[in-house]
PDB file of N, CA and C in Angstrom:
ATOM      1  N   MET A   1       0.812  -1.194   0.000  1.00  0.00           N
ATOM      2  CA  MET A   1       0.000   0.000   0.000  1.00  0.00           C
ATOM      3  C   MET A   1       0.858   1.263   0.000  1.00  0.00           C
ATOM      4  N   GLN A   2       2.105   1.153   0.435  1.00  0.00           N
ATOM      5  CA  GLN A   2       2.991   2.316   0.380  1.00  0.00           C
ATOM      6  C   GLN A   2       3.140   2.805  -1.059  1.00  0.00           C
ATOM      7  N   LYS A   3       3.349   1.865  -1.976  1.00  0.00           N
ATOM      8  CA  LYS A   3       3.475   2.239  -3.384  1.00  0.00           C
ATOM      9  C   LYS A   3       2.164   2.868  -3.872  1.00  0.00           C
ATOM     10  N   ALA A   4       1.044   2.301  -3.490  1.00  0.00           N
ATOM     11  CA  ALA A   4      -0.257   2.835  -3.889  1.00  0.00           C
ATOM     12  C   ALA A   4      -0.444   4.252  -3.368  1.00  0.00           C
ATOM     13  N   MET A   5      -0.044   4.510  -2.135  1.00  0.00           N
ATOM     14  CA  MET A   5      -0.179   5.856  -1.578  1.00  0.00           C
ATOM     15  C   MET A   5       0.658   6.857  -2.366  1.00  0.00           C
ATOM     16  N   GLN A   6       1.855   6.451  -2.753  1.00  0.00           N
ATOM     17  CA  GLN A   6       2.703   7.341  -3.552  1.00  0.00           C
ATOM     18  C   GLN A   6       2.082   7.602  -4.915  1.00  0.00           C
ATOM     19  N   LEU A   7       1.557   6.563  -5.552  1.00  0.00           N
ATOM     20  CA  LEU A   7       0.947   6.709  -6.870  1.00  0.00           C
ATOM     21  C   LEU A   7      -0.312   7.573  -6.810  1.00  0.00           C
ATOM     22  N   LEU A   8      -1.087   7.426  -5.749  1.00  0.00           N
ATOM     23  CA  LEU A   8      -2.307   8.224  -5.609  1.00  0.00           C
ATOM     24  C   LEU A   8      -1.991   9.713  -5.517  1.00  0.00           C
ATOM     25  N   GLN A   9      -0.871  10.043  -4.934  1.00  0.00           N
ATOM     26  CA  GLN A   9      -0.516  11.447  -4.780  1.00  0.00           C
ATOM     27  C   GLN A   9      -0.098  12.083  -6.101  1.00  0.00           C
ATOM     28  N   GLN A  10       0.155  11.263  -7.107  1.00  0.00           N
ATOM     29  CA  GLN A  10       0.403  11.780  -8.448  1.00  0.00           C
ATOM     30  C   GLN A  10      -0.962  11.971  -9.093  1.00  0.00           C
ATOM     31  N   ARG A  11      -1.453  13.154  -9.084  1.00  0.00           N
ATOM     32  CA  ARG A  11      -2.832  13.439  -9.489  1.00  0.00           C
ATOM     33  C   ARG A  11      -3.159  13.039 -10.921  1.00  0.00           C
ATOM     34  N   ASP A  12      -2.143  12.759 -11.743  1.00  0.00           N
ATOM     35  CA  ASP A  12      -2.407  12.389 -13.128  1.00  0.00           C
ATOM     36  C   ASP A  12      -2.756  10.910 -13.279  1.00  0.00           C
ATOM     37  N   LYS A  13      -2.698  10.155 -12.199  1.00  0.00           N
ATOM     38  CA  LYS A  13      -2.993   8.718 -12.237  1.00  0.00           C
ATOM     39  C   LYS A  13      -4.472   8.468 -11.960  1.00  0.00           C
ATOM     40  N   LYS A  14      -5.080   7.616 -12.764  1.00  0.00           N
ATOM     41  CA  LYS A  14      -6.457   7.200 -12.508  1.00  0.00           C
ATOM     42  C   LYS A  14      -6.435   6.077 -11.475  1.00  0.00           C
ATOM     43  N   LEU A  15      -7.525   5.936 -10.753  1.00  0.00           N
ATOM     44  CA  LEU A  15      -7.605   4.930  -9.699  1.00  0.00           C
ATOM     45  C   LEU A  15      -7.372   3.528 -10.247  1.00  0.00           C
ATOM     46  N   ILE A  16      -7.952   3.205 -11.387  1.00  0.00           N
ATOM     47  CA  ILE A  16      -7.767   1.865 -11.947  1.00  0.00           C
ATOM     48  C   ILE A  16      -6.303   1.621 -12.313  1.00  0.00           C
ATOM     49  N   ASP A  17      -5.607   2.651 -12.755  1.00  0.00           N
ATOM     50  CA  ASP A  17      -4.186   2.509 -13.087  1.00  0.00           C
ATOM     51  C   ASP A  17      -3.352   2.248 -11.840  1.00  0.00           C
ATOM     52  N   VAL A  18      -3.680   2.943 -10.764  1.00  0.00           N
ATOM     53  CA  VAL A  18      -2.996   2.702  -9.494  1.00  0.00           C
ATOM     54  C   VAL A  18      -3.282   1.280  -9.027  1.00  0.00           C
ATOM     55  N   ALA A  19      -4.547   0.875  -9.090  1.00  0.00           N
ATOM     56  CA  ALA A  19      -4.937  -0.470  -8.665  1.00  0.00           C
ATOM     57  C   ALA A  19      -4.162  -1.531  -9.434  1.00  0.00           C
ATOM     58  N   ARG A  20      -4.089  -1.395 -10.729  1.00  0.00           N
ATOM     59  CA  ARG A  20      -3.371  -2.377 -11.552  1.00  0.00           C
ATOM     60  C   ARG A  20      -1.876  -2.358 -11.282  1.00  0.00           C
ATOM     61  N   SER A  21      -1.341  -1.193 -10.984  1.00  0.00           N
ATOM     62  CA  SER A  21       0.091  -1.080 -10.698  1.00  0.00           C
ATOM     63  C   SER A  21       0.496  -1.841  -9.441  1.00  0.00           C
ATOM     64  N   VAL A  22      -0.445  -2.002  -8.537  1.00  0.00           N
ATOM     65  CA  VAL A  22      -0.133  -2.709  -7.286  1.00  0.00           C
ATOM     66  C   VAL A  22      -0.786  -4.091  -7.210  1.00  0.00           C
ATOM     67  N   GLY A  23      -1.270  -4.590  -8.361  1.00  0.00           N
ATOM     68  CA  GLY A  23      -1.694  -5.977  -8.422  1.00  0.00           C
ATOM     69  C   GLY A  23      -3.175  -6.264  -8.336  1.00  0.00           C
ATOM     70  N   TYR A  24      -4.028  -5.254  -8.436  1.00  0.00           N
ATOM     71  CA  TYR A  24      -5.477  -5.478  -8.380  1.00  0.00           C
ATOM     72  C   TYR A  24      -6.072  -5.366  -9.772  1.00  0.00           C
ATOM     73  N   ASP A  25      -7.074  -6.196 -10.047  1.00  0.00           N
ATOM     74  CA  ASP A  25      -7.737  -6.177 -11.350  1.00  0.00           C
ATOM     75  C   ASP A  25      -8.873  -5.170 -11.422  1.00  0.00           C
ATOM     76  N   SER A  26      -9.357  -4.735 -10.277  1.00  0.00           N
ATOM     77  CA  SER A  26     -10.466  -3.773 -10.280  1.00  0.00           C
ATOM     78  C   SER A  26     -10.205  -2.686  -9.246  1.00  0.00           C
ATOM     79  N   ASP A  27     -10.738  -1.507  -9.530  1.00  0.00           N
ATOM     80  CA  ASP A  27     -10.576  -0.416  -8.576  1.00  0.00           C
ATOM     81  C   ASP A  27     -11.410  -0.653  -7.323  1.00  0.00           C
ATOM     82  N   ALA A  28     -12.509  -1.398  -7.457  1.00  0.00           N
ATOM     83  CA  ALA A  28     -13.349  -1.690  -6.292  1.00  0.00           C
ATOM     84  C   ALA A  28     -12.603  -2.586  -5.291  1.00  0.00           C
ATOM     85  N   ALA A  29     -11.948  -3.626  -5.801  1.00  0.00           N
ATOM     86  CA  ALA A  29     -11.184  -4.518  -4.926  1.00  0.00           C
ATOM     87  C   ALA A  29     -10.026  -3.757  -4.280  1.00  0.00           C
ATOM     88  N   PHE A  30      -9.362  -2.921  -5.061  1.00  0.00           N
ATOM     89  CA  PHE A  30      -8.263  -2.122  -4.536  1.00  0.00           C
ATOM     90  C   PHE A  30      -8.765  -1.174  -3.442  1.00  0.00           C
ATOM     91  N   SER A  31      -9.866  -0.474  -3.705  1.00  0.00           N
ATOM     92  CA  SER A  31     -10.401   0.480  -2.727  1.00  0.00           C
ATOM     93  C   SER A  31     -10.754  -0.202  -1.415  1.00  0.00           C
ATOM     94  N   LYS A  32     -11.333  -1.392  -1.511  1.00  0.00           N
ATOM     95  CA  LYS A  32     -11.707  -2.136  -0.306  1.00  0.00           C
ATOM     96  C   LYS A  32     -10.465  -2.525   0.502  1.00  0.00           C
ATOM     97  N   ALA A  33      -9.441  -3.025  -0.186  1.00  0.00           N
ATOM     98  CA  ALA A  33      -8.204  -3.405   0.496  1.00  0.00           C
ATOM     99  C   ALA A  33      -7.491  -2.181   1.058  1.00  0.00           C
ATOM    100  N   PHE A  34      -7.476  -1.104   0.293  1.00  0.00           N
ATOM    101  CA  PHE A  34      -6.838   0.140   0.733  1.00  0.00           C
ATOM    102  C   PHE A  34      -7.493   0.634   2.018  1.00  0.00           C
ATOM    103  N   LYS A  35      -8.807   0.639   2.042  1.00  0.00           N
ATOM    104  CA  LYS A  35      -9.519   1.101   3.239  1.00  0.00           C
ATOM    105  C   LYS A  35      -9.230   0.193   4.437  1.00  0.00           C
ATOM    106  N   ARG A  36      -9.146  -1.104   4.196  1.00  0.00           N
ATOM    107  CA  ARG A  36      -8.857  -2.038   5.287  1.00  0.00           C
ATOM    108  C   ARG A  36      -7.472  -1.776   5.872  1.00  0.00           C
ATOM    109  N   VAL A  37      -6.497  -1.474   5.029  1.00  0.00           N
ATOM    110  CA  VAL A  37      -5.125  -1.282   5.484  1.00  0.00           C
ATOM    111  C   VAL A  37      -4.881   0.141   6.012  1.00  0.00           C
ATOM    112  N   VAL A  38      -5.362   1.129   5.274  1.00  0.00           N
ATOM    113  CA  VAL A  38      -5.046   2.526   5.585  1.00  0.00           C
ATOM    114  C   VAL A  38      -6.066   3.159   6.526  1.00  0.00           C
ATOM    115  N   GLY A  39      -7.301   2.672   6.490  1.00  0.00           N
ATOM    116  CA  GLY A  39      -8.334   3.234   7.357  1.00  0.00           C
ATOM    117  C   GLY A  39      -9.206   4.265   6.668  1.00  0.00           C
ATOM    118  N   ALA A  40      -8.975   4.476   5.374  1.00  0.00           N
ATOM    119  CA  ALA A  40      -9.774   5.412   4.589  1.00  0.00           C
ATOM    120  C   ALA A  40      -9.718   4.959   3.136  1.00  0.00           C
ATOM    121  N   ASN A  41     -10.779   5.267   2.383  1.00  0.00           N
ATOM    122  CA  ASN A  41     -10.728   4.904   0.970  1.00  0.00           C
ATOM    123  C   ASN A  41      -9.760   5.864   0.269  1.00  0.00           C
ATOM    124  N   PRO A  42      -9.353   5.563  -0.951  1.00  0.00           N
ATOM    125  CA  PRO A  42      -8.359   6.404  -1.623  1.00  0.00           C
ATOM    126  C   PRO A  42      -8.731   7.884  -1.696  1.00  0.00           C
ATOM    127  N   GLY A  43      -9.977   8.197  -1.997  1.00  0.00           N
ATOM    128  CA  GLY A  43     -10.396   9.596  -2.059  1.00  0.00           C
ATOM    129  C   GLY A  43     -10.293  10.293  -0.717  1.00  0.00           C
ATOM    130  N   GLU A  44     -10.741   9.619   0.336  1.00  0.00           N
ATOM    131  CA  GLU A  44     -10.649  10.185   1.690  1.00  0.00           C
ATOM    132  C   GLU A  44      -9.189  10.375   2.091  1.00  0.00           C
ATOM    133  N   TYR A  45      -8.369   9.399   1.736  1.00  0.00           N
ATOM    134  CA  TYR A  45      -6.942   9.471   2.054  1.00  0.00           C
ATOM    135  C   TYR A  45      -6.320  10.721   1.427  1.00  0.00           C
ATOM    136  N   LEU A  46      -6.605  10.947   0.156  1.00  0.00           N
ATOM    137  CA  LEU A  46      -6.045  12.110  -0.529  1.00  0.00           C
ATOM    138  C   LEU A  46      -6.545  13.410   0.073  1.00  0.00           C
ATOM    139  N   LYS A  47      -7.837  13.471   0.336  1.00  0.00           N
ATOM    140  CA  LYS A  47      -8.417  14.686   0.902  1.00  0.00           C
ATOM    141  C   LYS A  47      -7.804  14.984   2.276  1.00  0.00           C
ATOM    142  N   ARG A  48      -7.721  13.964   3.104  1.00  0.00           N
ATOM    143  CA  ARG A  48      -7.173  14.127   4.448  1.00  0.00           C
ATOM    144  C   ARG A  48      -5.684  14.459   4.394  1.00  0.00           C
ATOM    145  N   GLY A  49      -4.961  13.798   3.509  1.00  0.00           N
ATOM    146  CA  GLY A  49      -3.520  14.016   3.390  1.00  0.00           C
ATOM    147  C   GLY A  49      -3.180  15.417   2.966  1.00  0.00           C
ATOM    148  N   TYR A  50      -3.888  15.936   1.978  1.00  0.00           N
ATOM    149  CA  TYR A  50      -3.600  17.279   1.505  1.00  0.00           C
ATOM    150  C   TYR A  50      -4.095  18.334   2.477  1.00  0.00           C
ATOM    151  N   GLN A  51      -5.140  18.063   3.216  1.00  0.00           N
ATOM    152  CA  GLN A  51      -5.610  19.030   4.219  1.00  0.00           C
ATOM    153  C   GLN A  51      -4.628  19.109   5.382  1.00  0.00           C
ATOM    154  N   ASN A  52      -4.062  17.962   5.755  1.00  0.00           N
ATOM    155  CA  ASN A  52      -3.190  17.914   6.921  1.00  0.00           C
ATOM    156  C   ASN A  52      -1.789  18.447   6.646  1.00  0.00           C
ATOM    157  N   ARG A  53      -1.378  18.557   5.392  1.00  0.00           N
ATOM    158  CA  ARG A  53      -0.027  19.018   5.082  1.00  0.00           C
ATOM    159  C   ARG A  53       0.258  20.406   5.641  1.00  0.00           C
ATOM    160  N   GLY A  54      -0.712  21.270   5.596  1.00  0.00           N
ATOM    161  CA  GLY A  54      -0.489  22.631   6.070  1.00  0.00           C
ATOM    162  C   GLY A  54      -0.513  22.754   7.583  1.00  0.00           C
ATOM    163  N   HIS A  55      -0.942  21.726   8.267  1.00  0.00           N
ATOM    164  CA  HIS A  55      -1.105  21.783   9.723  1.00  0.00           C
ATOM    165  C   HIS A  55      -0.061  20.984  10.465  1.00  0.00           C
ATOM    166  N   VAL A  56       1.026  20.590   9.792  1.00  0.00           N
ATOM    167  CA  VAL A  56       2.038  19.749  10.443  1.00  0.00           C
ATOM    168  C   VAL A  56       3.057  20.584  11.129  1.00  0.00           C
TER     169      VAL A  56
END
């Protein structure tokens, strides 16, 4: 998921492309696994990550 988190931060990547890059055939399966591991779905992760950058 570390690689997925890095790829997600590259805004030019589509979710399905990130999912396939880390071994998932569907974005739905990837999103479910991502949420299980990270605690947020990919969209929430990005929103939270970029909001928190200014408050560190």
